[in-house]
């Protein structure tokens, strides 16, 4: 009887510790998980959303350290443009995040609360996809991390597939040739950008196009800073390119 009680006690203890750990980690994120040693009364306090971006960027760089300089330059430019009034030492915070990576479930849970709108969470995915594509290609480790983050942010598989297809479409276009195989591949990719299967009808393509244009039009991000507008513009162009490719199949 005593042995059963001990087993039950330890099982309860393990569950309690895990729950407590999740709660404290979740609270810690709102109370400066990445320390800003330069924080003073004159300088704006902890910015958890900025730290979320820094920490996720560090996770992506850890997956592939090739083109390290280009990725750091992209991050520095992104944060400087989108968080212009921040007094963070990006280098220090990024280095700290590289050495002590954040737990994805903790940060994702916080982001779902902080960013309730789907398009806000999609911005994070495009930020990370752009970072991983700095060297012109995404490797399988980066794609796996993007997929995991997409799931944890409660975004759909269609969202993820469309994001990957957009960047793949960019890569293909830089080295495309006018042979029939490349055209078939371009059409298949265009369907993926639209979030559709290859047997989708003309009406379904038009409906998907209207939905994506409404969701990703640069005007939607007019109040979110120049960097977000630039990324939105790139997405908008890829959607237009995909639609134009599919239009040629109707003639």
C-alpha atoms as a PDB file:
ATOM      1  CA  UNK A   1       0.000   0.000   0.000  1.00  0.00           C
ATOM      2  CA  UNK A   2       2.824   2.357   0.914  1.00  0.00           C
ATOM      3  CA  UNK A   3       4.540   1.749  -2.448  1.00  0.00           C
ATOM      4  CA  UNK A   4       1.345   2.702  -4.320  1.00  0.00           C
ATOM      5  CA  UNK A   5       1.071   5.897  -2.280  1.00  0.00           C
ATOM      6  CA  UNK A   6       4.697   6.782  -3.055  1.00  0.00           C
ATOM      7  CA  UNK A   7       4.167   6.202  -6.785  1.00  0.00           C
ATOM      8  CA  UNK A   8       1.031   8.361  -6.704  1.00  0.00           C
ATOM      9  CA  UNK A   9       2.821  11.096  -4.742  1.00  0.00           C
ATOM     10  CA  UNK A  10       5.762  11.272  -7.150  1.00  0.00           C
ATOM     11  CA  UNK A  11       3.454  11.233 -10.188  1.00  0.00           C
ATOM     12  CA  UNK A  12       1.477  14.118  -8.687  1.00  0.00           C
ATOM     13  CA  UNK A  13       4.712  15.978  -7.913  1.00  0.00           C
ATOM     14  CA  UNK A  14       5.956  15.647 -11.516  1.00  0.00           C
ATOM     15  CA  UNK A  15       2.646  16.957 -12.919  1.00  0.00           C
ATOM     16  CA  UNK A  16       2.637  19.850 -10.431  1.00  0.00           C
ATOM     17  CA  UNK A  17       6.221  20.845 -11.289  1.00  0.00           C
ATOM     18  CA  UNK A  18       5.446  20.828 -15.021  1.00  0.00           C
ATOM     19  CA  UNK A  19       2.340  22.976 -14.556  1.00  0.00           C
ATOM     20  CA  UNK A  20       4.186  25.383 -12.260  1.00  0.00           C
ATOM     21  CA  UNK A  21       7.102  25.558 -14.673  1.00  0.00           C
ATOM     22  CA  UNK A  22       4.799  26.466 -17.562  1.00  0.00           C
ATOM     23  CA  UNK A  23       3.069  29.152 -15.479  1.00  0.00           C
ATOM     24  CA  UNK A  24       6.295  30.735 -14.243  1.00  0.00           C
ATOM     25  CA  UNK A  25       7.836  30.617 -17.707  1.00  0.00           C
ATOM     26  CA  UNK A  26       4.743  32.237 -19.164  1.00  0.00           C
ATOM     27  CA  UNK A  27       4.878  34.968 -16.521  1.00  0.00           C
ATOM     28  CA  UNK A  28       8.611  35.393 -16.987  1.00  0.00           C
ATOM     29  CA  UNK A  29       8.077  36.258 -20.629  1.00  0.00           C
ATOM     30  CA  UNK A  30       5.984  39.275 -19.562  1.00  0.00           C
ATOM     31  CA  UNK A  31       8.618  40.286 -17.008  1.00  0.00           C
ATOM     32  CA  UNK A  32      11.809  40.505 -19.024  1.00  0.00           C
ATOM     33  CA  UNK A  33      12.955  37.020 -19.932  1.00  0.00           C
ATOM     34  CA  UNK A  34      15.872  38.504 -21.881  1.00  0.00           C
ATOM     35  CA  UNK A  35      17.486  41.024 -19.537  1.00  0.00           C
ATOM     36  CA  UNK A  36      18.057  44.555 -20.791  1.00  0.00           C
ATOM     37  CA  UNK A  37      21.011  45.707 -18.727  1.00  0.00           C
ATOM     38  CA  UNK A  38      20.711  49.254 -20.096  1.00  0.00           C
ATOM     39  CA  UNK A  39      17.160  49.749 -18.854  1.00  0.00           C
ATOM     40  CA  UNK A  40      16.801  52.966 -16.796  1.00  0.00           C
ATOM     41  CA  UNK A  41      14.040  55.361 -15.806  1.00  0.00           C
ATOM     42  CA  UNK A  42      14.786  57.452 -18.907  1.00  0.00           C
ATOM     43  CA  UNK A  43      14.732  54.482 -21.299  1.00  0.00           C
ATOM     44  CA  UNK A  44      11.490  52.670 -22.199  1.00  0.00           C
ATOM     45  CA  UNK A  45      11.151  49.410 -20.225  1.00  0.00           C
ATOM     46  CA  UNK A  46      11.066  45.820 -21.375  1.00  0.00           C
ATOM     47  CA  UNK A  47       9.414  45.209 -24.775  1.00  0.00           C
ATOM     48  CA  UNK A  48       8.296  41.555 -24.798  1.00  0.00           C
ATOM     49  CA  UNK A  49       7.164  41.614 -28.444  1.00  0.00           C
ATOM     50  CA  UNK A  50      10.592  42.776 -29.595  1.00  0.00           C
ATOM     51  CA  UNK A  51      12.209  40.088 -27.457  1.00  0.00           C
ATOM     52  CA  UNK A  52       9.882  37.514 -29.018  1.00  0.00           C
ATOM     53  CA  UNK A  53      11.100  38.491 -32.482  1.00  0.00           C
ATOM     54  CA  UNK A  54      14.747  38.428 -31.348  1.00  0.00           C
ATOM     55  CA  UNK A  55      14.370  35.023 -29.686  1.00  0.00           C
ATOM     56  CA  UNK A  56      12.584  33.457 -32.666  1.00  0.00           C
ATOM     57  CA  UNK A  57      15.181  34.939 -35.012  1.00  0.00           C
ATOM     58  CA  UNK A  58      17.919  33.369 -32.886  1.00  0.00           C
ATOM     59  CA  UNK A  59      16.170  29.988 -33.044  1.00  0.00           C
ATOM     60  CA  UNK A  60      16.085  30.200 -36.833  1.00  0.00           C
ATOM     61  CA  UNK A  61      19.765  31.153 -37.072  1.00  0.00           C
ATOM     62  CA  UNK A  62      20.652  28.213 -34.790  1.00  0.00           C
ATOM     63  CA  UNK A  63      19.075  25.878 -37.364  1.00  0.00           C
ATOM     64  CA  UNK A  64      21.447  27.055 -40.087  1.00  0.00           C
ATOM     65  CA  UNK A  65      24.476  29.211 -39.322  1.00  0.00           C
ATOM     66  CA  UNK A  66      25.514  29.500 -42.952  1.00  0.00           C
ATOM     67  CA  UNK A  67      25.285  33.043 -44.342  1.00  0.00           C
ATOM     68  CA  UNK A  68      25.528  34.163 -40.715  1.00  0.00           C
ATOM     69  CA  UNK A  69      26.650  37.698 -41.567  1.00  0.00           C
ATOM     70  CA  UNK A  70      23.787  38.198 -44.036  1.00  0.00           C
ATOM     71  CA  UNK A  71      21.250  36.964 -41.491  1.00  0.00           C
ATOM     72  CA  UNK A  72      22.580  39.248 -38.760  1.00  0.00           C
ATOM     73  CA  UNK A  73      22.455  42.174 -41.196  1.00  0.00           C
ATOM     74  CA  UNK A  74      18.843  41.321 -42.084  1.00  0.00           C
ATOM     75  CA  UNK A  75      17.897  41.141 -38.381  1.00  0.00           C
ATOM     76  CA  UNK A  76      19.645  44.401 -37.558  1.00  0.00           C
ATOM     77  CA  UNK A  77      17.928  46.189 -40.456  1.00  0.00           C
ATOM     78  CA  UNK A  78      14.548  44.678 -39.576  1.00  0.00           C
ATOM     79  CA  UNK A  79      14.688  45.676 -35.914  1.00  0.00           C
ATOM     80  CA  UNK A  80      16.114  49.132 -36.665  1.00  0.00           C
ATOM     81  CA  UNK A  81      13.276  49.843 -39.112  1.00  0.00           C
ATOM     82  CA  UNK A  82      10.401  48.241 -37.238  1.00  0.00           C
ATOM     83  CA  UNK A  83      11.426  49.139 -33.667  1.00  0.00           C
ATOM     84  CA  UNK A  84      13.075  52.543 -34.298  1.00  0.00           C
ATOM     85  CA  UNK A  85      12.395  53.935 -30.817  1.00  0.00           C
ATOM     86  CA  UNK A  86      13.751  50.940 -28.934  1.00  0.00           C
ATOM     87  CA  UNK A  87      16.931  51.383 -26.886  1.00  0.00           C
ATOM     88  CA  UNK A  88      17.719  47.679 -26.825  1.00  0.00           C
ATOM     89  CA  UNK A  89      21.197  46.391 -27.431  1.00  0.00           C
ATOM     90  CA  UNK A  90      20.142  43.997 -30.219  1.00  0.00           C
ATOM     91  CA  UNK A  91      23.531  42.316 -30.314  1.00  0.00           C
ATOM     92  CA  UNK A  92      23.526  41.521 -26.601  1.00  0.00           C
ATOM     93  CA  UNK A  93      19.935  40.259 -26.581  1.00  0.00           C
ATOM     94  CA  UNK A  94      20.495  38.182 -29.722  1.00  0.00           C
ATOM     95  CA  UNK A  95      23.674  36.614 -28.312  1.00  0.00           C
ATOM     96  CA  UNK A  96      21.817  35.797 -25.088  1.00  0.00           C
ATOM     97  CA  UNK A  97      19.008  34.191 -27.094  1.00  0.00           C
ATOM     98  CA  UNK A  98      21.510  32.126 -29.103  1.00  0.00           C
ATOM     99  CA  UNK A  99      23.111  30.797 -25.915  1.00  0.00           C
ATOM    100  CA  UNK A 100      19.823  30.288 -24.061  1.00  0.00           C
ATOM    101  CA  UNK A 101      17.116  29.464 -26.632  1.00  0.00           C
ATOM    102  CA  UNK A 102      13.525  30.101 -25.599  1.00  0.00           C
ATOM    103  CA  UNK A 103      11.058  27.239 -25.313  1.00  0.00           C
ATOM    104  CA  UNK A 104       8.806  27.407 -28.350  1.00  0.00           C
ATOM    105  CA  UNK A 105       5.621  26.447 -26.517  1.00  0.00           C
ATOM    106  CA  UNK A 106       6.100  29.236 -23.980  1.00  0.00           C
ATOM    107  CA  UNK A 107       6.710  31.975 -26.521  1.00  0.00           C
ATOM    108  CA  UNK A 108       3.977  30.698 -28.877  1.00  0.00           C
ATOM    109  CA  UNK A 109       1.372  30.675 -26.123  1.00  0.00           C
ATOM    110  CA  UNK A 110       2.273  34.273 -25.235  1.00  0.00           C
ATOM    111  CA  UNK A 111       2.182  35.367 -28.891  1.00  0.00           C
ATOM    112  CA  UNK A 112      -1.269  33.838 -29.411  1.00  0.00           C
ATOM    113  CA  UNK A 113      -2.545  36.033 -26.572  1.00  0.00           C
ATOM    114  CA  UNK A 114      -0.609  39.126 -27.619  1.00  0.00           C
ATOM    115  CA  UNK A 115      -1.494  38.808 -31.327  1.00  0.00           C
ATOM    116  CA  UNK A 116      -5.089  37.539 -31.556  1.00  0.00           C
ATOM    117  CA  UNK A 117      -5.511  38.421 -35.242  1.00  0.00           C
ATOM    118  CA  UNK A 118      -4.375  35.844 -37.790  1.00  0.00           C
ATOM    119  CA  UNK A 119      -2.628  38.396 -40.018  1.00  0.00           C
ATOM    120  CA  UNK A 120      -0.549  39.569 -37.037  1.00  0.00           C
ATOM    121  CA  UNK A 121       0.739  36.047 -36.451  1.00  0.00           C
ATOM    122  CA  UNK A 122       1.297  35.595 -40.184  1.00  0.00           C
ATOM    123  CA  UNK A 123       3.658  38.589 -40.040  1.00  0.00           C
ATOM    124  CA  UNK A 124       5.903  36.603 -37.690  1.00  0.00           C
ATOM    125  CA  UNK A 125       5.945  33.686 -40.109  1.00  0.00           C
ATOM    126  CA  UNK A 126       6.900  35.937 -43.017  1.00  0.00           C
ATOM    127  CA  UNK A 127       9.609  37.576 -40.920  1.00  0.00           C
ATOM    128  CA  UNK A 128      11.114  34.150 -40.144  1.00  0.00           C
ATOM    129  CA  UNK A 129      10.690  32.878 -43.712  1.00  0.00           C
ATOM    130  CA  UNK A 130      12.444  35.978 -45.046  1.00  0.00           C
ATOM    131  CA  UNK A 131      15.278  35.429 -42.553  1.00  0.00           C
ATOM    132  CA  UNK A 132      15.736  31.785 -43.522  1.00  0.00           C
ATOM    133  CA  UNK A 133      15.707  32.748 -47.214  1.00  0.00           C
ATOM    134  CA  UNK A 134      18.443  35.411 -46.928  1.00  0.00           C
ATOM    135  CA  UNK A 135      20.913  33.061 -48.644  1.00  0.00           C
ATOM    136  CA  UNK A 136      18.408  32.278 -51.407  1.00  0.00           C
ATOM    137  CA  UNK A 137      17.252  28.894 -50.115  1.00  0.00           C
ATOM    138  CA  UNK A 138      15.585  27.260 -47.113  1.00  0.00           C
ATOM    139  CA  UNK A 139      17.051  23.996 -45.866  1.00  0.00           C
ATOM    140  CA  UNK A 140      15.017  21.153 -44.358  1.00  0.00           C
ATOM    141  CA  UNK A 141      15.886  22.130 -40.766  1.00  0.00           C
ATOM    142  CA  UNK A 142      14.627  25.680 -41.271  1.00  0.00           C
ATOM    143  CA  UNK A 143      11.449  24.441 -42.960  1.00  0.00           C
ATOM    144  CA  UNK A 144      10.828  22.011 -40.081  1.00  0.00           C
ATOM    145  CA  UNK A 145      11.154  24.835 -37.533  1.00  0.00           C
ATOM    146  CA  UNK A 146       8.874  27.097 -39.573  1.00  0.00           C
ATOM    147  CA  UNK A 147       6.275  24.335 -39.712  1.00  0.00           C
ATOM    148  CA  UNK A 148       6.436  23.792 -35.950  1.00  0.00           C
ATOM    149  CA  UNK A 149       6.059  27.511 -35.236  1.00  0.00           C
ATOM    150  CA  UNK A 150       3.184  27.735 -37.736  1.00  0.00           C
ATOM    151  CA  UNK A 151       1.350  24.957 -35.871  1.00  0.00           C
ATOM    152  CA  UNK A 152       2.016  26.466 -32.432  1.00  0.00           C
ATOM    153  CA  UNK A 153       0.717  29.847 -33.608  1.00  0.00           C
ATOM    154  CA  UNK A 154      -2.504  28.068 -34.659  1.00  0.00           C
ATOM    155  CA  UNK A 155      -2.097  28.900 -38.336  1.00  0.00           C
ATOM    156  CA  UNK A 156      -3.330  26.510 -41.014  1.00  0.00           C
ATOM    157  CA  UNK A 157      -1.390  24.102 -43.201  1.00  0.00           C
ATOM    158  CA  UNK A 158      -2.604  26.129 -46.188  1.00  0.00           C
ATOM    159  CA  UNK A 159      -0.992  29.235 -44.664  1.00  0.00           C
ATOM    160  CA  UNK A 160       2.301  27.401 -44.212  1.00  0.00           C
ATOM    161  CA  UNK A 161       2.275  25.850 -47.678  1.00  0.00           C
ATOM    162  CA  UNK A 162       1.507  29.220 -49.267  1.00  0.00           C
ATOM    163  CA  UNK A 163       4.400  30.894 -47.418  1.00  0.00           C
ATOM    164  CA  UNK A 164       6.908  28.228 -48.475  1.00  0.00           C
ATOM    165  CA  UNK A 165       5.574  28.295 -52.041  1.00  0.00           C
ATOM    166  CA  UNK A 166       6.021  32.068 -52.294  1.00  0.00           C
ATOM    167  CA  UNK A 167       9.709  31.863 -51.454  1.00  0.00           C
ATOM    168  CA  UNK A 168      10.190  28.786 -53.626  1.00  0.00           C
ATOM    169  CA  UNK A 169       8.550  30.697 -56.485  1.00  0.00           C
ATOM    170  CA  UNK A 170      11.065  33.536 -55.995  1.00  0.00           C
ATOM    171  CA  UNK A 171      13.987  31.087 -56.124  1.00  0.00           C
ATOM    172  CA  UNK A 172      12.663  29.295 -59.214  1.00  0.00           C
ATOM    173  CA  UNK A 173      12.123  32.549 -61.057  1.00  0.00           C
ATOM    174  CA  UNK A 174      15.751  33.611 -60.606  1.00  0.00           C
ATOM    175  CA  UNK A 175      16.958  30.495 -62.437  1.00  0.00           C
ATOM    176  CA  UNK A 176      14.035  29.512 -64.640  1.00  0.00           C
ATOM    177  CA  UNK A 177      14.193  28.444 -68.265  1.00  0.00           C
ATOM    178  CA  UNK A 178      11.463  28.348 -70.881  1.00  0.00           C
ATOM    179  CA  UNK A 179      11.151  24.579 -71.147  1.00  0.00           C
ATOM    180  CA  UNK A 180       7.940  22.641 -70.630  1.00  0.00           C
ATOM    181  CA  UNK A 181       9.097  21.046 -67.371  1.00  0.00           C
ATOM    182  CA  UNK A 182       9.794  24.407 -65.735  1.00  0.00           C
ATOM    183  CA  UNK A 183       6.385  25.681 -66.896  1.00  0.00           C
ATOM    184  CA  UNK A 184       4.603  22.683 -65.369  1.00  0.00           C
ATOM    185  CA  UNK A 185       6.524  23.215 -62.132  1.00  0.00           C
ATOM    186  CA  UNK A 186       5.675  26.941 -62.163  1.00  0.00           C
ATOM    187  CA  UNK A 187       1.962  26.180 -62.520  1.00  0.00           C
ATOM    188  CA  UNK A 188       2.059  23.653 -59.672  1.00  0.00           C
ATOM    189  CA  UNK A 189       3.869  26.191 -57.511  1.00  0.00           C
ATOM    190  CA  UNK A 190       1.352  28.911 -58.365  1.00  0.00           C
ATOM    191  CA  UNK A 191      -1.465  26.689 -57.084  1.00  0.00           C
ATOM    192  CA  UNK A 192       0.474  26.246 -53.822  1.00  0.00           C
ATOM    193  CA  UNK A 193       0.926  30.009 -53.467  1.00  0.00           C
ATOM    194  CA  UNK A 194      -2.856  30.303 -53.768  1.00  0.00           C
ATOM    195  CA  UNK A 195      -3.296  27.569 -51.166  1.00  0.00           C
ATOM    196  CA  UNK A 196      -5.136  25.355 -53.663  1.00  0.00           C
ATOM    197  CA  UNK A 197      -4.821  21.875 -55.095  1.00  0.00           C
ATOM    198  CA  UNK A 198      -3.849  21.532 -58.761  1.00  0.00           C
ATOM    199  CA  UNK A 199      -7.361  20.478 -59.751  1.00  0.00           C
ATOM    200  CA  UNK A 200      -8.926  23.709 -58.426  1.00  0.00           C
ATOM    201  CA  UNK A 201     -11.385  25.360 -60.784  1.00  0.00           C
ATOM    202  CA  UNK A 202     -11.071  28.808 -62.338  1.00  0.00           C
ATOM    203  CA  UNK A 203     -13.738  30.094 -59.939  1.00  0.00           C
ATOM    204  CA  UNK A 204     -11.835  28.701 -56.944  1.00  0.00           C
ATOM    205  CA  UNK A 205      -8.616  30.360 -58.121  1.00  0.00           C
ATOM    206  CA  UNK A 206     -10.363  33.727 -58.478  1.00  0.00           C
ATOM    207  CA  UNK A 207     -11.946  33.380 -55.047  1.00  0.00           C
ATOM    208  CA  UNK A 208      -8.585  32.483 -53.460  1.00  0.00           C
ATOM    209  CA  UNK A 209      -6.931  35.407 -55.243  1.00  0.00           C
ATOM    210  CA  UNK A 210      -9.477  37.906 -53.895  1.00  0.00           C
ATOM    211  CA  UNK A 211      -9.055  36.505 -50.381  1.00  0.00           C
ATOM    212  CA  UNK A 212      -5.238  36.672 -50.495  1.00  0.00           C
ATOM    213  CA  UNK A 213      -5.193  40.179 -51.974  1.00  0.00           C
ATOM    214  CA  UNK A 214      -7.499  41.376 -49.210  1.00  0.00           C
ATOM    215  CA  UNK A 215      -5.349  39.698 -46.551  1.00  0.00           C
ATOM    216  CA  UNK A 216      -1.912  40.692 -47.859  1.00  0.00           C
ATOM    217  CA  UNK A 217      -2.439  44.060 -49.531  1.00  0.00           C
ATOM    218  CA  UNK A 218       0.290  46.507 -48.368  1.00  0.00           C
ATOM    219  CA  UNK A 219      -2.391  49.038 -47.343  1.00  0.00           C
ATOM    220  CA  UNK A 220      -3.451  46.615 -44.588  1.00  0.00           C
ATOM    221  CA  UNK A 221      -0.045  47.156 -42.965  1.00  0.00           C
ATOM    222  CA  UNK A 222       0.077  50.937 -43.453  1.00  0.00           C
ATOM    223  CA  UNK A 223       0.276  51.530 -39.690  1.00  0.00           C
ATOM    224  CA  UNK A 224       2.799  48.769 -38.943  1.00  0.00           C
ATOM    225  CA  UNK A 225       6.078  50.305 -40.117  1.00  0.00           C
ATOM    226  CA  UNK A 226       7.999  50.410 -43.376  1.00  0.00           C
ATOM    227  CA  UNK A 227       9.610  46.979 -42.936  1.00  0.00           C
ATOM    228  CA  UNK A 228       6.251  45.205 -42.631  1.00  0.00           C
ATOM    229  CA  UNK A 229       4.972  47.153 -45.626  1.00  0.00           C
ATOM    230  CA  UNK A 230       7.988  46.085 -47.687  1.00  0.00           C
ATOM    231  CA  UNK A 231       7.478  42.420 -46.778  1.00  0.00           C
ATOM    232  CA  UNK A 232       3.752  42.760 -47.548  1.00  0.00           C
ATOM    233  CA  UNK A 233       4.641  44.279 -50.926  1.00  0.00           C
ATOM    234  CA  UNK A 234       6.845  41.267 -51.739  1.00  0.00           C
ATOM    235  CA  UNK A 235       4.027  38.890 -50.795  1.00  0.00           C
ATOM    236  CA  UNK A 236       1.565  40.877 -52.872  1.00  0.00           C
ATOM    237  CA  UNK A 237       3.864  40.639 -55.912  1.00  0.00           C
ATOM    238  CA  UNK A 238       4.222  36.862 -55.493  1.00  0.00           C
ATOM    239  CA  UNK A 239       0.432  36.484 -55.299  1.00  0.00           C
ATOM    240  CA  UNK A 240       0.056  38.567 -58.470  1.00  0.00           C
ATOM    241  CA  UNK A 241       2.729  36.497 -60.261  1.00  0.00           C
ATOM    242  CA  UNK A 242       1.037  33.241 -59.254  1.00  0.00           C
ATOM    243  CA  UNK A 243      -2.348  34.478 -60.451  1.00  0.00           C
ATOM    244  CA  UNK A 244      -0.885  35.608 -63.782  1.00  0.00           C
ATOM    245  CA  UNK A 245       0.682  32.164 -64.299  1.00  0.00           C
ATOM    246  CA  UNK A 246      -2.653  30.456 -63.633  1.00  0.00           C
ATOM    247  CA  UNK A 247      -4.471  32.910 -65.914  1.00  0.00           C
ATOM    248  CA  UNK A 248      -2.372  31.678 -68.846  1.00  0.00           C
ATOM    249  CA  UNK A 249      -3.780  28.161 -68.362  1.00  0.00           C
ATOM    250  CA  UNK A 250      -7.331  29.414 -69.055  1.00  0.00           C
ATOM    251  CA  UNK A 251      -6.549  30.722 -72.542  1.00  0.00           C
END
